[in-house]
Amino acid sequence: MSAILTRDELKAKMDHGDDFKLVEALAEDAYKDWHLPGAINIPASKVRELAPTMLPDKNADIVVYCGSFT
């Protein structure tokens, strides 16, 4: 199942300590410069390579985001 979360909904999940994986989908350099607390980096270009080891639980609640200054 997929859903779109608003910023406020994501903040509420974080504030409540909900159990989920937060994934930043931008390139590594963007992740290093700016990412949300607790986020792991899986760039879109490396999803097939990294996701199986970094997100092994196929039943986990996963929130993927990307962001830029534009």
N, C-alpha and C. Protein backbone atom coordinates (compact mmCIF):
# COMPACT_ATOMS: atom_id res chain seq x y z
N MET A 1 0.85 -1.19 0.00
CA MET A 1 0.00 0.00 0.00
C MET A 1 0.89 1.24 0.00
N SER A 2 0.52 2.22 -0.76
CA SER A 2 1.27 3.47 -0.74
C SER A 2 0.32 4.61 -0.42
N ALA A 3 0.89 5.63 0.16
CA ALA A 3 0.11 6.81 0.52
C ALA A 3 1.02 8.02 0.47
N ILE A 4 0.44 9.15 0.32
CA ILE A 4 1.20 10.39 0.34
C ILE A 4 0.97 11.04 1.70
N LEU A 5 2.08 11.39 2.35
CA LEU A 5 2.00 12.06 3.64
C LEU A 5 2.28 13.54 3.47
N THR A 6 1.60 14.35 4.23
CA THR A 6 1.93 15.76 4.27
C THR A 6 3.13 15.94 5.21
N ARG A 7 3.73 17.09 5.18
CA ARG A 7 4.82 17.39 6.11
C ARG A 7 4.37 17.24 7.56
N ASP A 8 3.15 17.74 7.84
CA ASP A 8 2.64 17.67 9.20
C ASP A 8 2.43 16.22 9.63
N GLU A 9 1.95 15.37 8.73
CA GLU A 9 1.75 13.95 9.06
C GLU A 9 3.09 13.26 9.32
N LEU A 10 4.09 13.58 8.50
CA LEU A 10 5.42 13.00 8.72
C LEU A 10 5.99 13.48 10.05
N LYS A 11 5.86 14.76 10.33
CA LYS A 11 6.36 15.29 11.61
C LYS A 11 5.67 14.60 12.78
N ALA A 12 4.37 14.38 12.67
CA ALA A 12 3.63 13.70 13.74
C ALA A 12 4.15 12.28 13.93
N LYS A 13 4.42 11.56 12.84
CA LYS A 13 4.98 10.20 12.94
C LYS A 13 6.33 10.25 13.67
N MET A 14 7.15 11.22 13.31
CA MET A 14 8.47 11.35 13.93
C MET A 14 8.33 11.71 15.41
N ASP A 15 7.46 12.69 15.70
CA ASP A 15 7.26 13.14 17.08
C ASP A 15 6.70 12.03 17.98
N HIS A 16 5.84 11.17 17.41
CA HIS A 16 5.25 10.08 18.19
C HIS A 16 6.16 8.87 18.31
N GLY A 17 7.29 8.91 17.61
CA GLY A 17 8.21 7.78 17.66
C GLY A 17 7.68 6.55 16.94
N ASP A 18 6.83 6.76 15.93
CA ASP A 18 6.30 5.63 15.15
C ASP A 18 7.45 4.83 14.55
N ASP A 19 7.22 3.53 14.39
CA ASP A 19 8.23 2.64 13.84
C ASP A 19 8.14 2.65 12.32
N PHE A 20 9.07 3.32 11.67
CA PHE A 20 9.13 3.37 10.21
C PHE A 20 10.55 3.70 9.78
N LYS A 21 10.85 3.39 8.54
CA LYS A 21 12.15 3.73 7.95
C LYS A 21 11.95 4.97 7.11
N LEU A 22 12.82 5.95 7.31
CA LEU A 22 12.78 7.19 6.57
C LEU A 22 13.92 7.18 5.57
N VAL A 23 13.60 7.29 4.29
CA VAL A 23 14.59 7.17 3.23
C VAL A 23 14.66 8.45 2.42
N GLU A 24 15.85 9.02 2.35
CA GLU A 24 16.15 10.19 1.51
C GLU A 24 16.58 9.65 0.15
N ALA A 25 15.91 10.06 -0.93
CA ALA A 25 16.17 9.50 -2.25
C ALA A 25 17.04 10.37 -3.14
N LEU A 26 17.60 11.42 -2.62
CA LEU A 26 18.49 12.25 -3.44
C LEU A 26 19.91 11.68 -3.45
N ALA A 27 20.76 12.26 -4.26
CA ALA A 27 22.15 11.83 -4.37
C ALA A 27 22.88 11.99 -3.04
N GLU A 28 23.97 11.22 -2.89
CA GLU A 28 24.72 11.21 -1.64
C GLU A 28 25.17 12.59 -1.19
N ASP A 29 25.65 13.43 -2.11
CA ASP A 29 26.12 14.75 -1.71
C ASP A 29 24.99 15.61 -1.16
N ALA A 30 23.80 15.49 -1.71
CA ALA A 30 22.65 16.22 -1.19
C ALA A 30 22.28 15.71 0.20
N TYR A 31 22.35 14.40 0.39
CA TYR A 31 22.06 13.79 1.69
C TYR A 31 23.02 14.31 2.75
N LYS A 32 24.30 14.36 2.41
CA LYS A 32 25.31 14.83 3.37
C LYS A 32 25.05 16.27 3.80
N ASP A 33 24.60 17.08 2.85
CA ASP A 33 24.38 18.50 3.15
C ASP A 33 23.07 18.77 3.88
N TRP A 34 22.07 17.93 3.63
CA TRP A 34 20.76 18.24 4.19
C TRP A 34 19.87 17.00 4.17
N HIS A 35 19.48 16.51 5.33
CA HIS A 35 18.52 15.41 5.40
C HIS A 35 17.78 15.47 6.73
N LEU A 36 16.65 14.82 6.79
CA LEU A 36 15.86 14.79 8.01
C LEU A 36 16.50 13.87 9.04
N PRO A 37 16.35 14.16 10.32
CA PRO A 37 16.93 13.31 11.36
C PRO A 37 16.45 11.86 11.24
N GLY A 38 17.39 10.95 11.30
CA GLY A 38 17.08 9.53 11.25
C GLY A 38 16.94 8.95 9.86
N ALA A 39 17.05 9.79 8.83
CA ALA A 39 16.89 9.30 7.46
C ALA A 39 18.13 8.53 7.02
N ILE A 40 17.89 7.50 6.21
CA ILE A 40 18.98 6.81 5.55
C ILE A 40 18.97 7.24 4.09
N ASN A 41 20.10 7.10 3.42
CA ASN A 41 20.20 7.55 2.03
C ASN A 41 20.21 6.38 1.08
N ILE A 42 19.21 6.36 0.21
CA ILE A 42 19.18 5.42 -0.90
C ILE A 42 18.84 6.23 -2.14
N PRO A 43 19.87 6.70 -2.86
CA PRO A 43 19.61 7.49 -4.06
C PRO A 43 18.77 6.71 -5.06
N ALA A 44 17.93 7.40 -5.78
CA ALA A 44 17.05 6.75 -6.75
C ALA A 44 17.83 5.88 -7.73
N SER A 45 19.02 6.31 -8.09
CA SER A 45 19.84 5.56 -9.04
C SER A 45 20.41 4.27 -8.46
N LYS A 46 20.30 4.09 -7.13
CA LYS A 46 20.88 2.90 -6.48
C LYS A 46 19.86 2.06 -5.72
N VAL A 47 18.58 2.28 -5.98
CA VAL A 47 17.53 1.56 -5.24
C VAL A 47 17.68 0.05 -5.39
N ARG A 48 17.81 -0.42 -6.60
CA ARG A 48 17.92 -1.87 -6.83
C ARG A 48 19.13 -2.47 -6.12
N GLU A 49 20.19 -1.72 -6.05
CA GLU A 49 21.43 -2.19 -5.43
C GLU A 49 21.36 -2.16 -3.90
N LEU A 50 20.86 -1.08 -3.33
CA LEU A 50 20.93 -0.86 -1.89
C LEU A 50 19.71 -1.28 -1.08
N ALA A 51 18.53 -1.17 -1.66
CA ALA A 51 17.30 -1.43 -0.90
C ALA A 51 17.25 -2.84 -0.29
N PRO A 52 17.65 -3.89 -0.99
CA PRO A 52 17.55 -5.23 -0.38
C PRO A 52 18.34 -5.38 0.92
N THR A 53 19.48 -4.71 1.03
CA THR A 53 20.27 -4.83 2.26
C THR A 53 19.91 -3.76 3.29
N MET A 54 19.55 -2.57 2.82
CA MET A 54 19.24 -1.49 3.76
C MET A 54 17.80 -1.53 4.26
N LEU A 55 16.93 -2.18 3.50
CA LEU A 55 15.51 -2.29 3.85
C LEU A 55 15.07 -3.75 3.70
N PRO A 56 15.63 -4.64 4.52
CA PRO A 56 15.36 -6.07 4.34
C PRO A 56 13.94 -6.50 4.73
N ASP A 57 13.28 -5.76 5.61
CA ASP A 57 11.93 -6.12 6.07
C ASP A 57 10.90 -5.63 5.06
N LYS A 58 10.37 -6.55 4.26
CA LYS A 58 9.42 -6.18 3.22
C LYS A 58 8.07 -5.74 3.78
N ASN A 59 7.85 -5.92 5.07
CA ASN A 59 6.60 -5.49 5.70
C ASN A 59 6.76 -4.18 6.47
N ALA A 60 7.94 -3.60 6.43
CA ALA A 60 8.21 -2.38 7.19
C ALA A 60 7.44 -1.19 6.59
N ASP A 61 7.13 -0.25 7.44
CA ASP A 61 6.54 1.01 7.02
C ASP A 61 7.70 1.89 6.55
N ILE A 62 7.70 2.26 5.27
CA ILE A 62 8.81 3.03 4.70
C ILE A 62 8.28 4.34 4.14
N VAL A 63 8.92 5.42 4.52
CA VAL A 63 8.58 6.74 4.00
C VAL A 63 9.78 7.20 3.18
N VAL A 64 9.55 7.47 1.90
CA VAL A 64 10.60 7.92 0.99
C VAL A 64 10.33 9.37 0.66
N TYR A 65 11.39 10.17 0.72
CA TYR A 65 11.23 11.58 0.35
C TYR A 65 12.45 12.04 -0.42
N CYS A 66 12.27 13.08 -1.15
CA CYS A 66 13.39 13.79 -1.77
C CYS A 66 13.04 15.26 -1.68
N GLY A 67 14.01 16.06 -1.72
CA GLY A 67 13.76 17.48 -1.60
C GLY A 67 14.88 18.25 -2.22
N SER A 68 14.59 19.46 -2.56
CA SER A 68 15.61 20.33 -3.10
C SER A 68 15.21 21.75 -2.76
N PHE A 69 16.09 22.65 -3.07
CA PHE A 69 15.82 24.05 -2.78
C PHE A 69 15.03 24.71 -3.89
N THR A 70 14.68 23.97 -4.93
CA THR A 70 13.92 24.56 -6.04
C THR A 70 12.46 24.26 -5.92
